[in-house]
């Protein structure tokens, strides 16, 4: 049970709610944002003293029933409720290392995908495997050290100029937020993995933007269904973005493709011909 993180998460979820969101009168002007602690406790049918101790990181481990009641009171989404249980230690917790070895069948699949840029990402946002089209669309990962293939580092500490965005993507702000959410849930699952804790610590030390987003305690984002790259060699490329979870290894297969005959498909075909010499970042 991570008492301090649990308390901070509860506080952030409580403060985002308005009284009218849960059927309470707004009443006179409030000195603090969101619901009061006693209001959250009443909605969850638990004592105010116990709820306050939870937020202060001083309470013993809550039961599953209590967590479910709090999740309902704070209107948590399924992802947020799962995160709450992980923090409380009532859900399966991966206390070892996150896996970075990719199944051979997935490696073979990447090479067989026609006109599709694909890569495998670890739970800690490291690019573990990729095909040639992904290297042409994003960058040639082969000459990079493993730590430099990490998309979280690329997003917050990358070599792009201040007036550029990561790989020319149009939704850079949304991508950075999704990276922070991914790392928050990963840290909850692998609290003893030095690669995960070290990465989060590095980003918190070096990136004020990461610190700002981390303080929001968000753990769920809308799926990115399309993505537009502004590529230095072929111009703007709009592609479908599909992310498949490889549950056995807690990894993600990310695929960029475009409908046949579309401008995006034509641009991907051209990139396929140009190869990695056209990638955004040259080694």
C-alpha atoms as a PDB file:
ATOM      1  CA  UNK A   1       0.000   0.000   0.000  1.00  0.00           C
ATOM      2  CA  UNK A   2       1.427   3.364  -1.080  1.00  0.00           C
ATOM      3  CA  UNK A   3      -0.255   5.559   1.547  1.00  0.00           C
ATOM      4  CA  UNK A   4       1.124   8.887   0.380  1.00  0.00           C
ATOM      5  CA  UNK A   5       0.318   8.326  -3.283  1.00  0.00           C
ATOM      6  CA  UNK A   6      -3.117   6.967  -2.377  1.00  0.00           C
ATOM      7  CA  UNK A   7      -3.867  10.072  -0.329  1.00  0.00           C
ATOM      8  CA  UNK A   8      -2.675  12.411  -3.081  1.00  0.00           C
ATOM      9  CA  UNK A   9      -4.745  10.580  -5.693  1.00  0.00           C
ATOM     10  CA  UNK A  10      -7.909  10.724  -3.556  1.00  0.00           C
ATOM     11  CA  UNK A  11      -7.376  14.416  -2.904  1.00  0.00           C
ATOM     12  CA  UNK A  12      -6.904  15.185  -6.615  1.00  0.00           C
ATOM     13  CA  UNK A  13     -10.083  13.286  -7.557  1.00  0.00           C
ATOM     14  CA  UNK A  14     -12.119  14.927  -4.792  1.00  0.00           C
ATOM     15  CA  UNK A  15     -10.984  18.431  -5.716  1.00  0.00           C
ATOM     16  CA  UNK A  16     -12.034  18.073  -9.343  1.00  0.00           C
ATOM     17  CA  UNK A  17     -15.695  17.403  -8.403  1.00  0.00           C
ATOM     18  CA  UNK A  18     -18.286  20.124  -7.896  1.00  0.00           C
ATOM     19  CA  UNK A  19     -21.128  19.638  -5.382  1.00  0.00           C
ATOM     20  CA  UNK A  20     -23.683  19.674  -8.193  1.00  0.00           C
ATOM     21  CA  UNK A  21     -21.810  16.813  -9.901  1.00  0.00           C
ATOM     22  CA  UNK A  22     -22.891  14.515  -7.070  1.00  0.00           C
ATOM     23  CA  UNK A  23     -26.324  15.979  -6.362  1.00  0.00           C
ATOM     24  CA  UNK A  24     -25.323  18.332  -3.534  1.00  0.00           C
ATOM     25  CA  UNK A  25     -26.241  22.028  -3.321  1.00  0.00           C
ATOM     26  CA  UNK A  26     -23.341  24.347  -4.085  1.00  0.00           C
ATOM     27  CA  UNK A  27     -24.131  26.498  -1.046  1.00  0.00           C
ATOM     28  CA  UNK A  28     -22.081  29.553  -0.044  1.00  0.00           C
ATOM     29  CA  UNK A  29     -18.716  30.327  -1.587  1.00  0.00           C
ATOM     30  CA  UNK A  30     -16.109  27.676  -0.783  1.00  0.00           C
ATOM     31  CA  UNK A  31     -12.549  28.333   0.257  1.00  0.00           C
ATOM     32  CA  UNK A  32     -11.190  25.186  -1.408  1.00  0.00           C
ATOM     33  CA  UNK A  33     -11.949  23.594  -4.792  1.00  0.00           C
ATOM     34  CA  UNK A  34     -14.157  20.563  -5.183  1.00  0.00           C
ATOM     35  CA  UNK A  35     -15.996  18.588  -2.554  1.00  0.00           C
ATOM     36  CA  UNK A  36     -15.252  18.853   1.123  1.00  0.00           C
ATOM     37  CA  UNK A  37     -13.737  15.801   2.786  1.00  0.00           C
ATOM     38  CA  UNK A  38     -16.819  15.292   4.938  1.00  0.00           C
ATOM     39  CA  UNK A  39     -19.012  15.338   1.821  1.00  0.00           C
ATOM     40  CA  UNK A  40     -16.879  12.648   0.170  1.00  0.00           C
ATOM     41  CA  UNK A  41     -17.070  10.561   3.329  1.00  0.00           C
ATOM     42  CA  UNK A  42     -20.871  10.841   3.527  1.00  0.00           C
ATOM     43  CA  UNK A  43     -21.221   9.850  -0.131  1.00  0.00           C
ATOM     44  CA  UNK A  44     -18.970   6.819   0.475  1.00  0.00           C
ATOM     45  CA  UNK A  45     -20.807   5.881   3.723  1.00  0.00           C
ATOM     46  CA  UNK A  46     -17.625   5.929   5.783  1.00  0.00           C
ATOM     47  CA  UNK A  47     -16.594   8.089   8.725  1.00  0.00           C
ATOM     48  CA  UNK A  48     -15.169  11.521   8.021  1.00  0.00           C
ATOM     49  CA  UNK A  49     -12.245  10.812  10.356  1.00  0.00           C
ATOM     50  CA  UNK A  50     -11.266   7.684   8.430  1.00  0.00           C
ATOM     51  CA  UNK A  51     -11.512   9.422   5.062  1.00  0.00           C
ATOM     52  CA  UNK A  52      -9.352  12.308   6.303  1.00  0.00           C
ATOM     53  CA  UNK A  53      -6.746   9.825   7.532  1.00  0.00           C
ATOM     54  CA  UNK A  54      -6.752   8.157   4.103  1.00  0.00           C
ATOM     55  CA  UNK A  55      -6.001  11.455   2.380  1.00  0.00           C
ATOM     56  CA  UNK A  56      -3.320  12.230   4.957  1.00  0.00           C
ATOM     57  CA  UNK A  57      -1.641   8.850   4.423  1.00  0.00           C
ATOM     58  CA  UNK A  58      -2.269   7.741   8.031  1.00  0.00           C
ATOM     59  CA  UNK A  59      -5.020   5.143   7.647  1.00  0.00           C
ATOM     60  CA  UNK A  60      -4.627   1.344   7.561  1.00  0.00           C
ATOM     61  CA  UNK A  61      -5.313  -0.524   4.343  1.00  0.00           C
ATOM     62  CA  UNK A  62      -8.961  -0.028   3.275  1.00  0.00           C
ATOM     63  CA  UNK A  63     -11.042  -3.025   2.303  1.00  0.00           C
ATOM     64  CA  UNK A  64     -12.169  -3.675  -1.253  1.00  0.00           C
ATOM     65  CA  UNK A  65     -15.724  -2.676  -0.285  1.00  0.00           C
ATOM     66  CA  UNK A  66     -14.545   0.642   1.128  1.00  0.00           C
ATOM     67  CA  UNK A  67     -12.486   1.360  -2.003  1.00  0.00           C
ATOM     68  CA  UNK A  68     -15.474   0.560  -4.201  1.00  0.00           C
ATOM     69  CA  UNK A  69     -17.630   2.936  -2.150  1.00  0.00           C
ATOM     70  CA  UNK A  70     -15.025   5.711  -2.428  1.00  0.00           C
ATOM     71  CA  UNK A  71     -14.667   5.114  -6.167  1.00  0.00           C
ATOM     72  CA  UNK A  72     -18.419   5.520  -6.567  1.00  0.00           C
ATOM     73  CA  UNK A  73     -18.521   8.629  -4.382  1.00  0.00           C
ATOM     74  CA  UNK A  74     -15.736  10.313  -6.353  1.00  0.00           C
ATOM     75  CA  UNK A  75     -17.188   9.227  -9.713  1.00  0.00           C
ATOM     76  CA  UNK A  76     -13.986   7.418 -10.727  1.00  0.00           C
ATOM     77  CA  UNK A  77     -13.703   5.853 -14.156  1.00  0.00           C
ATOM     78  CA  UNK A  78     -12.853   2.157 -14.468  1.00  0.00           C
ATOM     79  CA  UNK A  79      -9.193   2.992 -15.087  1.00  0.00           C
ATOM     80  CA  UNK A  80      -9.092   5.326 -12.093  1.00  0.00           C
ATOM     81  CA  UNK A  81     -10.805   2.752  -9.892  1.00  0.00           C
ATOM     82  CA  UNK A  82      -8.262   0.103 -10.925  1.00  0.00           C
ATOM     83  CA  UNK A  83      -5.449   2.556 -10.129  1.00  0.00           C
ATOM     84  CA  UNK A  84      -6.985   3.241  -6.722  1.00  0.00           C
ATOM     85  CA  UNK A  85      -7.004  -0.480  -5.905  1.00  0.00           C
ATOM     86  CA  UNK A  86      -3.397  -0.871  -7.049  1.00  0.00           C
ATOM     87  CA  UNK A  87      -2.282   1.999  -4.794  1.00  0.00           C
ATOM     88  CA  UNK A  88      -4.153   0.473  -1.857  1.00  0.00           C
ATOM     89  CA  UNK A  89      -2.535  -2.897  -2.440  1.00  0.00           C
ATOM     90  CA  UNK A  90      -5.824  -4.706  -3.000  1.00  0.00           C
ATOM     91  CA  UNK A  91      -5.160  -5.500  -6.677  1.00  0.00           C
ATOM     92  CA  UNK A  92      -2.444  -7.686  -8.202  1.00  0.00           C
ATOM     93  CA  UNK A  93       0.762  -5.673  -8.088  1.00  0.00           C
ATOM     94  CA  UNK A  94       3.758  -6.407 -10.292  1.00  0.00           C
ATOM     95  CA  UNK A  95       6.583  -5.799  -7.881  1.00  0.00           C
ATOM     96  CA  UNK A  96       9.326  -7.135 -10.165  1.00  0.00           C
ATOM     97  CA  UNK A  97      10.800  -5.682 -13.352  1.00  0.00           C
ATOM     98  CA  UNK A  98       8.771  -4.754 -16.403  1.00  0.00           C
ATOM     99  CA  UNK A  99       9.524  -7.019 -19.344  1.00  0.00           C
ATOM    100  CA  UNK A 100      11.563  -5.760 -22.286  1.00  0.00           C
ATOM    101  CA  UNK A 101      11.914  -8.940 -24.329  1.00  0.00           C
ATOM    102  CA  UNK A 102       9.548  -9.059 -27.304  1.00  0.00           C
ATOM    103  CA  UNK A 103       7.897 -12.290 -28.458  1.00  0.00           C
ATOM    104  CA  UNK A 104       9.494 -13.647 -31.660  1.00  0.00           C
ATOM    105  CA  UNK A 105       6.047 -13.891 -33.262  1.00  0.00           C
ATOM    106  CA  UNK A 106       5.528 -10.145 -32.728  1.00  0.00           C
ATOM    107  CA  UNK A 107       8.948  -9.391 -34.235  1.00  0.00           C
ATOM    108  CA  UNK A 108       8.004 -11.443 -37.287  1.00  0.00           C
ATOM    109  CA  UNK A 109       4.615  -9.722 -37.494  1.00  0.00           C
ATOM    110  CA  UNK A 110       6.251  -6.297 -37.600  1.00  0.00           C
ATOM    111  CA  UNK A 111       8.219  -7.295 -40.682  1.00  0.00           C
ATOM    112  CA  UNK A 112       5.175  -8.777 -42.445  1.00  0.00           C
ATOM    113  CA  UNK A 113       2.908  -5.741 -42.043  1.00  0.00           C
ATOM    114  CA  UNK A 114       2.286  -4.185 -45.485  1.00  0.00           C
ATOM    115  CA  UNK A 115       2.531  -0.379 -45.706  1.00  0.00           C
ATOM    116  CA  UNK A 116       2.202  -0.099 -41.929  1.00  0.00           C
ATOM    117  CA  UNK A 117       4.634   1.558 -39.554  1.00  0.00           C
ATOM    118  CA  UNK A 118       4.776  -0.438 -36.350  1.00  0.00           C
ATOM    119  CA  UNK A 119       6.736  -0.589 -33.129  1.00  0.00           C
ATOM    120  CA  UNK A 120       6.554  -2.300 -29.739  1.00  0.00           C
ATOM    121  CA  UNK A 121       6.688  -0.134 -26.618  1.00  0.00           C
ATOM    122  CA  UNK A 122       7.395  -1.261 -23.066  1.00  0.00           C
ATOM    123  CA  UNK A 123       5.303  -0.297 -20.049  1.00  0.00           C
ATOM    124  CA  UNK A 124       7.953   2.378 -19.393  1.00  0.00           C
ATOM    125  CA  UNK A 125       7.642   3.891 -22.895  1.00  0.00           C
ATOM    126  CA  UNK A 126      10.832   2.390 -24.371  1.00  0.00           C
ATOM    127  CA  UNK A 127      10.725   1.437 -28.053  1.00  0.00           C
ATOM    128  CA  UNK A 128      11.758  -2.231 -27.989  1.00  0.00           C
ATOM    129  CA  UNK A 129      11.257  -3.259 -31.620  1.00  0.00           C
ATOM    130  CA  UNK A 130      10.236  -1.540 -34.854  1.00  0.00           C
ATOM    131  CA  UNK A 131      10.001  -2.077 -38.578  1.00  0.00           C
ATOM    132  CA  UNK A 132      11.714  -0.099 -41.335  1.00  0.00           C
ATOM    133  CA  UNK A 133       8.692   2.076 -42.068  1.00  0.00           C
ATOM    134  CA  UNK A 134       8.440   3.134 -38.406  1.00  0.00           C
ATOM    135  CA  UNK A 135      12.125   4.105 -38.539  1.00  0.00           C
ATOM    136  CA  UNK A 136      11.480   6.190 -41.659  1.00  0.00           C
ATOM    137  CA  UNK A 137       8.383   7.841 -40.197  1.00  0.00           C
ATOM    138  CA  UNK A 138       9.883   8.597 -36.763  1.00  0.00           C
ATOM    139  CA  UNK A 139      13.615   7.985 -36.477  1.00  0.00           C
ATOM    140  CA  UNK A 140      16.169   5.232 -36.927  1.00  0.00           C
ATOM    141  CA  UNK A 141      16.265   3.700 -33.463  1.00  0.00           C
ATOM    142  CA  UNK A 142      19.012   1.177 -34.305  1.00  0.00           C
ATOM    143  CA  UNK A 143      22.064   3.350 -33.479  1.00  0.00           C
ATOM    144  CA  UNK A 144      20.528   4.654 -30.255  1.00  0.00           C
ATOM    145  CA  UNK A 145      21.247   3.350 -26.783  1.00  0.00           C
ATOM    146  CA  UNK A 146      18.170   1.765 -25.104  1.00  0.00           C
ATOM    147  CA  UNK A 147      17.687   4.752 -22.798  1.00  0.00           C
ATOM    148  CA  UNK A 148      17.606   7.073 -25.832  1.00  0.00           C
ATOM    149  CA  UNK A 149      14.805   5.024 -27.413  1.00  0.00           C
ATOM    150  CA  UNK A 150      12.475   5.985 -24.588  1.00  0.00           C
ATOM    151  CA  UNK A 151       9.552   8.067 -25.864  1.00  0.00           C
ATOM    152  CA  UNK A 152       9.052   9.722 -22.473  1.00  0.00           C
ATOM    153  CA  UNK A 153      12.606  11.066 -22.584  1.00  0.00           C
ATOM    154  CA  UNK A 154      12.112  12.024 -26.238  1.00  0.00           C
ATOM    155  CA  UNK A 155       8.868  13.856 -25.420  1.00  0.00           C
ATOM    156  CA  UNK A 156      10.158  15.854 -22.437  1.00  0.00           C
ATOM    157  CA  UNK A 157      13.951  15.932 -22.857  1.00  0.00           C
ATOM    158  CA  UNK A 158      14.341  15.358 -26.608  1.00  0.00           C
ATOM    159  CA  UNK A 159      16.723  17.073 -29.021  1.00  0.00           C
ATOM    160  CA  UNK A 160      13.994  18.911 -30.951  1.00  0.00           C
ATOM    161  CA  UNK A 161      14.165  22.696 -31.010  1.00  0.00           C
ATOM    162  CA  UNK A 162      11.713  24.766 -29.008  1.00  0.00           C
ATOM    163  CA  UNK A 163       9.708  25.506 -32.146  1.00  0.00           C
ATOM    164  CA  UNK A 164       9.487  21.831 -33.151  1.00  0.00           C
ATOM    165  CA  UNK A 165       7.346  18.986 -31.858  1.00  0.00           C
ATOM    166  CA  UNK A 166       8.280  15.355 -31.345  1.00  0.00           C
ATOM    167  CA  UNK A 167       8.509  13.679 -34.767  1.00  0.00           C
ATOM    168  CA  UNK A 168       6.407  16.535 -36.144  1.00  0.00           C
ATOM    169  CA  UNK A 169       3.208  15.177 -34.579  1.00  0.00           C
ATOM    170  CA  UNK A 170       0.268  17.560 -34.416  1.00  0.00           C
ATOM    171  CA  UNK A 171      -0.962  16.366 -31.008  1.00  0.00           C
ATOM    172  CA  UNK A 172       2.277  16.755 -29.051  1.00  0.00           C
ATOM    173  CA  UNK A 173       0.551  18.120 -25.933  1.00  0.00           C
ATOM    174  CA  UNK A 174      -1.916  15.225 -25.840  1.00  0.00           C
ATOM    175  CA  UNK A 175       0.919  12.771 -26.410  1.00  0.00           C
ATOM    176  CA  UNK A 176       2.930  14.160 -23.497  1.00  0.00           C
ATOM    177  CA  UNK A 177      -0.113  13.871 -21.241  1.00  0.00           C
ATOM    178  CA  UNK A 178      -0.664  10.258 -22.328  1.00  0.00           C
ATOM    179  CA  UNK A 179       3.003   9.509 -21.564  1.00  0.00           C
ATOM    180  CA  UNK A 180       2.610  10.888 -18.031  1.00  0.00           C
ATOM    181  CA  UNK A 181      -0.540   8.823 -17.478  1.00  0.00           C
ATOM    182  CA  UNK A 182       1.227   5.718 -18.756  1.00  0.00           C
ATOM    183  CA  UNK A 183       4.182   6.224 -16.433  1.00  0.00           C
ATOM    184  CA  UNK A 184       1.935   6.855 -13.423  1.00  0.00           C
ATOM    185  CA  UNK A 185       0.110   3.541 -13.859  1.00  0.00           C
ATOM    186  CA  UNK A 186       3.405   1.768 -14.623  1.00  0.00           C
ATOM    187  CA  UNK A 187       5.007   3.112 -11.447  1.00  0.00           C
ATOM    188  CA  UNK A 188       2.043   1.803  -9.445  1.00  0.00           C
ATOM    189  CA  UNK A 189       2.521  -1.668 -10.967  1.00  0.00           C
ATOM    190  CA  UNK A 190       6.324  -1.754 -10.746  1.00  0.00           C
ATOM    191  CA  UNK A 191       7.250   0.311  -7.667  1.00  0.00           C
ATOM    192  CA  UNK A 192      10.487  -1.643  -7.179  1.00  0.00           C
ATOM    193  CA  UNK A 193      11.760  -1.466 -10.778  1.00  0.00           C
ATOM    194  CA  UNK A 194      14.776   0.899 -10.806  1.00  0.00           C
ATOM    195  CA  UNK A 195      14.321   1.555 -14.528  1.00  0.00           C
ATOM    196  CA  UNK A 196      10.807   2.878 -13.867  1.00  0.00           C
ATOM    197  CA  UNK A 197      11.528   4.788 -10.662  1.00  0.00           C
ATOM    198  CA  UNK A 198      14.736   6.202 -12.157  1.00  0.00           C
ATOM    199  CA  UNK A 199      12.950   7.401 -15.303  1.00  0.00           C
ATOM    200  CA  UNK A 200      10.193   9.138 -13.337  1.00  0.00           C
ATOM    201  CA  UNK A 201      12.757  10.730 -11.033  1.00  0.00           C
ATOM    202  CA  UNK A 202      14.846  11.930 -13.980  1.00  0.00           C
ATOM    203  CA  UNK A 203      11.843  13.524 -15.677  1.00  0.00           C
ATOM    204  CA  UNK A 204      10.642  15.160 -12.463  1.00  0.00           C
ATOM    205  CA  UNK A 205      14.104  16.647 -11.909  1.00  0.00           C
ATOM    206  CA  UNK A 206      14.603  17.907 -15.461  1.00  0.00           C
ATOM    207  CA  UNK A 207      11.209  18.839 -16.883  1.00  0.00           C
ATOM    208  CA  UNK A 208       8.861  21.411 -15.302  1.00  0.00           C
ATOM    209  CA  UNK A 209       6.240  20.409 -17.864  1.00  0.00           C
ATOM    210  CA  UNK A 210       6.410  16.806 -16.665  1.00  0.00           C
ATOM    211  CA  UNK A 211       6.127  17.947 -13.041  1.00  0.00           C
ATOM    212  CA  UNK A 212       3.037  20.003 -13.884  1.00  0.00           C
ATOM    213  CA  UNK A 213       1.312  17.097 -15.624  1.00  0.00           C
ATOM    214  CA  UNK A 214       2.412  14.577 -12.975  1.00  0.00           C
ATOM    215  CA  UNK A 215       0.762  16.682 -10.263  1.00  0.00           C
ATOM    216  CA  UNK A 216      -2.623  16.192 -11.948  1.00  0.00           C
ATOM    217  CA  UNK A 217      -2.703  12.491 -10.970  1.00  0.00           C
ATOM    218  CA  UNK A 218      -4.569  11.588 -14.179  1.00  0.00           C
ATOM    219  CA  UNK A 219      -4.513   7.918 -15.225  1.00  0.00           C
ATOM    220  CA  UNK A 220      -6.863   7.769 -18.194  1.00  0.00           C
ATOM    221  CA  UNK A 221      -6.911   9.505 -21.564  1.00  0.00           C
ATOM    222  CA  UNK A 222      -8.974   9.316 -24.712  1.00  0.00           C
ATOM    223  CA  UNK A 223      -7.540   6.912 -27.297  1.00  0.00           C
ATOM    224  CA  UNK A 224      -5.572   8.475 -30.148  1.00  0.00           C
ATOM    225  CA  UNK A 225      -7.409   7.179 -33.231  1.00  0.00           C
ATOM    226  CA  UNK A 226      -5.583   9.288 -35.810  1.00  0.00           C
ATOM    227  CA  UNK A 227      -2.279  11.107 -35.843  1.00  0.00           C
ATOM    228  CA  UNK A 228      -0.756  13.641 -38.198  1.00  0.00           C
ATOM    229  CA  UNK A 229       3.007  13.780 -38.735  1.00  0.00           C
ATOM    230  CA  UNK A 230       4.643  16.775 -40.391  1.00  0.00           C
ATOM    231  CA  UNK A 231       7.525  14.948 -41.990  1.00  0.00           C
ATOM    232  CA  UNK A 232      10.617  16.739 -43.210  1.00  0.00           C
ATOM    233  CA  UNK A 233      10.894  14.593 -46.369  1.00  0.00           C
ATOM    234  CA  UNK A 234       7.326  13.943 -47.531  1.00  0.00           C
ATOM    235  CA  UNK A 235       5.252  16.625 -45.812  1.00  0.00           C
ATOM    236  CA  UNK A 236       2.073  16.051 -43.830  1.00  0.00           C
ATOM    237  CA  UNK A 237       0.991  12.452 -43.229  1.00  0.00           C
ATOM    238  CA  UNK A 238      -2.313  11.631 -41.530  1.00  0.00           C
ATOM    239  CA  UNK A 239      -2.555   8.016 -40.389  1.00  0.00           C
ATOM    240  CA  UNK A 240      -4.804   5.785 -38.343  1.00  0.00           C
ATOM    241  CA  UNK A 241      -3.280   5.024 -34.943  1.00  0.00           C
ATOM    242  CA  UNK A 242      -4.033   1.678 -33.294  1.00  0.00           C
ATOM    243  CA  UNK A 243      -2.491   0.489 -30.041  1.00  0.00           C
ATOM    244  CA  UNK A 244      -2.810  -3.187 -29.138  1.00  0.00           C
ATOM    245  CA  UNK A 245      -1.986  -4.375 -25.621  1.00  0.00           C
ATOM    246  CA  UNK A 246       0.295  -7.410 -25.370  1.00  0.00           C
ATOM    247  CA  UNK A 247      -0.999  -8.455 -21.981  1.00  0.00           C
ATOM    248  CA  UNK A 248       1.385 -11.343 -21.309  1.00  0.00           C
ATOM    249  CA  UNK A 249       4.382  -8.990 -21.252  1.00  0.00           C
ATOM    250  CA  UNK A 250       2.687  -5.680 -20.426  1.00  0.00           C
ATOM    251  CA  UNK A 251       3.788  -4.194 -23.745  1.00  0.00           C
ATOM    252  CA  UNK A 252       2.057  -2.298 -26.546  1.00  0.00           C
ATOM    253  CA  UNK A 253       2.060  -2.791 -30.302  1.00  0.00           C
ATOM    254  CA  UNK A 254       1.546   0.603 -31.951  1.00  0.00           C
ATOM    255  CA  UNK A 255       0.501   0.639 -35.617  1.00  0.00           C
ATOM    256  CA  UNK A 256       0.298   3.583 -38.042  1.00  0.00           C
ATOM    257  CA  UNK A 257      -1.562   2.850 -41.274  1.00  0.00           C
ATOM    258  CA  UNK A 258      -3.771   4.609 -43.826  1.00  0.00           C
ATOM    259  CA  UNK A 259      -6.688   3.555 -46.059  1.00  0.00           C
ATOM    260  CA  UNK A 260      -5.687   2.391 -49.525  1.00  0.00           C
ATOM    261  CA  UNK A 261      -5.677   5.242 -52.017  1.00  0.00           C
ATOM    262  CA  UNK A 262      -5.588   7.981 -49.378  1.00  0.00           C
ATOM    263  CA  UNK A 263      -2.901  10.695 -49.292  1.00  0.00           C
ATOM    264  CA  UNK A 264      -1.601   9.109 -46.098  1.00  0.00           C
ATOM    265  CA  UNK A 265      -1.180   5.759 -47.820  1.00  0.00           C
ATOM    266  CA  UNK A 266       0.675   7.421 -50.708  1.00  0.00           C
ATOM    267  CA  UNK A 267       2.983   9.202 -48.262  1.00  0.00           C
ATOM    268  CA  UNK A 268       3.714   5.966 -46.385  1.00  0.00           C
ATOM    269  CA  UNK A 269       4.479   4.230 -49.682  1.00  0.00           C
ATOM    270  CA  UNK A 270       6.940   6.990 -50.566  1.00  0.00           C
ATOM    271  CA  UNK A 271       8.574   6.723 -47.157  1.00  0.00           C
ATOM    272  CA  UNK A 272       8.858   2.987 -47.665  1.00  0.00           C
ATOM    273  CA  UNK A 273      10.909   3.669 -50.791  1.00  0.00           C
ATOM    274  CA  UNK A 274      13.073   6.354 -49.211  1.00  0.00           C
ATOM    275  CA  UNK A 275      13.869   4.270 -46.118  1.00  0.00           C
ATOM    276  CA  UNK A 276      15.547   5.508 -42.955  1.00  0.00           C
ATOM    277  CA  UNK A 277      17.459   8.204 -44.836  1.00  0.00           C
ATOM    278  CA  UNK A 278      14.198  10.159 -44.690  1.00  0.00           C
ATOM    279  CA  UNK A 279      13.648   9.822 -40.924  1.00  0.00           C
ATOM    280  CA  UNK A 280      13.092  12.912 -38.801  1.00  0.00           C
ATOM    281  CA  UNK A 281      16.235  12.409 -36.735  1.00  0.00           C
ATOM    282  CA  UNK A 282      19.523  11.370 -38.290  1.00  0.00           C
ATOM    283  CA  UNK A 283      22.125   9.555 -36.147  1.00  0.00           C
END
